[in-house]
């Protein structure tokens, strides 16, 4: 289910942050529903989200991925 996968993704983000000593922000926009017209917004940040997003806006990413890159990740260990 979506809720279970979302929690798994957040757990992986936390593990990556702690074990690899990286700072990260994860933003998940849920699908709009009759109950939540805009969809639920879920956020995880390893540090202050505003500081991390400001840093993001000041830099140019060295790696950018979209759903079009999915095939590249086939066979990558979880």
C-alpha atoms as a PDB file:
ATOM      1  CA  UNK A   1       0.000   0.000   0.000  1.00  0.00           C
ATOM      2  CA  UNK A   2       0.985   3.632  -0.382  1.00  0.00           C
ATOM      3  CA  UNK A   3       1.185   4.251   3.371  1.00  0.00           C
ATOM      4  CA  UNK A   4       3.511   1.279   3.914  1.00  0.00           C
ATOM      5  CA  UNK A   5       5.785   2.240   1.008  1.00  0.00           C
ATOM      6  CA  UNK A   6       5.863   5.860   2.159  1.00  0.00           C
ATOM      7  CA  UNK A   7       6.980   4.842   5.645  1.00  0.00           C
ATOM      8  CA  UNK A   8       9.624   2.542   4.124  1.00  0.00           C
ATOM      9  CA  UNK A   9      10.940   5.402   2.006  1.00  0.00           C
ATOM     10  CA  UNK A  10      11.131   7.701   5.020  1.00  0.00           C
ATOM     11  CA  UNK A  11      12.967   4.996   6.986  1.00  0.00           C
ATOM     12  CA  UNK A  12      15.472   4.563   4.125  1.00  0.00           C
ATOM     13  CA  UNK A  13      15.990   8.334   3.987  1.00  0.00           C
ATOM     14  CA  UNK A  14      16.706   8.403   7.732  1.00  0.00           C
ATOM     15  CA  UNK A  15      19.124   5.481   7.426  1.00  0.00           C
ATOM     16  CA  UNK A  16      20.947   7.094   4.502  1.00  0.00           C
ATOM     17  CA  UNK A  17      21.221  10.355   6.408  1.00  0.00           C
ATOM     18  CA  UNK A  18      22.604   8.733   9.562  1.00  0.00           C
ATOM     19  CA  UNK A  19      24.765   5.959   8.108  1.00  0.00           C
ATOM     20  CA  UNK A  20      26.271   7.995   5.250  1.00  0.00           C
ATOM     21  CA  UNK A  21      26.365  11.334   7.065  1.00  0.00           C
ATOM     22  CA  UNK A  22      24.398  13.174   4.383  1.00  0.00           C
ATOM     23  CA  UNK A  23      21.788  15.886   4.711  1.00  0.00           C
ATOM     24  CA  UNK A  24      18.546  15.320   2.903  1.00  0.00           C
ATOM     25  CA  UNK A  25      15.019  16.494   2.339  1.00  0.00           C
ATOM     26  CA  UNK A  26      12.245  14.197   1.184  1.00  0.00           C
ATOM     27  CA  UNK A  27       8.938  15.668   0.031  1.00  0.00           C
ATOM     28  CA  UNK A  28       5.983  13.467  -0.899  1.00  0.00           C
ATOM     29  CA  UNK A  29       2.852  14.933  -2.443  1.00  0.00           C
ATOM     30  CA  UNK A  30      -0.054  12.541  -2.026  1.00  0.00           C
ATOM     31  CA  UNK A  31      -2.758  12.174  -4.651  1.00  0.00           C
ATOM     32  CA  UNK A  32      -5.772  14.459  -4.093  1.00  0.00           C
ATOM     33  CA  UNK A  33      -8.812  12.666  -2.678  1.00  0.00           C
ATOM     34  CA  UNK A  34     -12.369  13.714  -1.810  1.00  0.00           C
ATOM     35  CA  UNK A  35     -11.230  14.093   1.818  1.00  0.00           C
ATOM     36  CA  UNK A  36      -7.986  15.930   1.025  1.00  0.00           C
ATOM     37  CA  UNK A  37      -8.605  18.080  -2.071  1.00  0.00           C
ATOM     38  CA  UNK A  38      -4.915  18.968  -2.480  1.00  0.00           C
ATOM     39  CA  UNK A  39      -3.506  15.633  -1.315  1.00  0.00           C
ATOM     40  CA  UNK A  40      -1.465  15.043   1.796  1.00  0.00           C
ATOM     41  CA  UNK A  41       1.984  16.582   2.007  1.00  0.00           C
ATOM     42  CA  UNK A  42       4.628  14.574   3.865  1.00  0.00           C
ATOM     43  CA  UNK A  43       8.074  15.942   4.662  1.00  0.00           C
ATOM     44  CA  UNK A  44      11.250  14.485   6.146  1.00  0.00           C
ATOM     45  CA  UNK A  45      14.388  16.530   6.684  1.00  0.00           C
ATOM     46  CA  UNK A  46      17.599  15.465   8.378  1.00  0.00           C
ATOM     47  CA  UNK A  47      18.100  19.059   9.548  1.00  0.00           C
ATOM     48  CA  UNK A  48      16.136  22.301   9.323  1.00  0.00           C
ATOM     49  CA  UNK A  49      14.193  22.026   6.076  1.00  0.00           C
ATOM     50  CA  UNK A  50      14.387  25.759   5.322  1.00  0.00           C
ATOM     51  CA  UNK A  51      18.188  25.763   5.587  1.00  0.00           C
ATOM     52  CA  UNK A  52      18.510  22.679   3.398  1.00  0.00           C
ATOM     53  CA  UNK A  53      16.153  24.043   0.740  1.00  0.00           C
ATOM     54  CA  UNK A  54      17.979  27.394   0.709  1.00  0.00           C
ATOM     55  CA  UNK A  55      21.225  25.500   0.151  1.00  0.00           C
ATOM     56  CA  UNK A  56      19.562  23.517  -2.647  1.00  0.00           C
ATOM     57  CA  UNK A  57      18.442  26.711  -4.369  1.00  0.00           C
ATOM     58  CA  UNK A  58      22.001  28.104  -4.290  1.00  0.00           C
ATOM     59  CA  UNK A  59      23.606  25.104  -5.971  1.00  0.00           C
ATOM     60  CA  UNK A  60      23.411  23.305  -9.286  1.00  0.00           C
ATOM     61  CA  UNK A  61      22.698  19.574  -8.943  1.00  0.00           C
ATOM     62  CA  UNK A  62      25.404  17.217 -10.178  1.00  0.00           C
ATOM     63  CA  UNK A  63      22.857  14.404 -10.523  1.00  0.00           C
ATOM     64  CA  UNK A  64      19.184  14.752 -11.516  1.00  0.00           C
ATOM     65  CA  UNK A  65      16.791  11.823 -11.910  1.00  0.00           C
ATOM     66  CA  UNK A  66      13.216  11.486 -13.128  1.00  0.00           C
ATOM     67  CA  UNK A  67      10.874   8.560 -13.737  1.00  0.00           C
ATOM     68  CA  UNK A  68      12.371   8.371 -17.236  1.00  0.00           C
ATOM     69  CA  UNK A  69      15.565   7.028 -15.615  1.00  0.00           C
ATOM     70  CA  UNK A  70      13.811   4.032 -14.048  1.00  0.00           C
ATOM     71  CA  UNK A  71      15.490   1.444 -16.300  1.00  0.00           C
ATOM     72  CA  UNK A  72      18.891   2.624 -15.091  1.00  0.00           C
ATOM     73  CA  UNK A  73      18.005   1.465 -11.574  1.00  0.00           C
ATOM     74  CA  UNK A  74      16.841  -2.030 -12.469  1.00  0.00           C
ATOM     75  CA  UNK A  75      18.955  -4.565 -10.631  1.00  0.00           C
ATOM     76  CA  UNK A  76      20.259  -2.020  -8.108  1.00  0.00           C
ATOM     77  CA  UNK A  77      20.252  -3.562  -4.636  1.00  0.00           C
ATOM     78  CA  UNK A  78      17.722  -2.160  -2.201  1.00  0.00           C
END
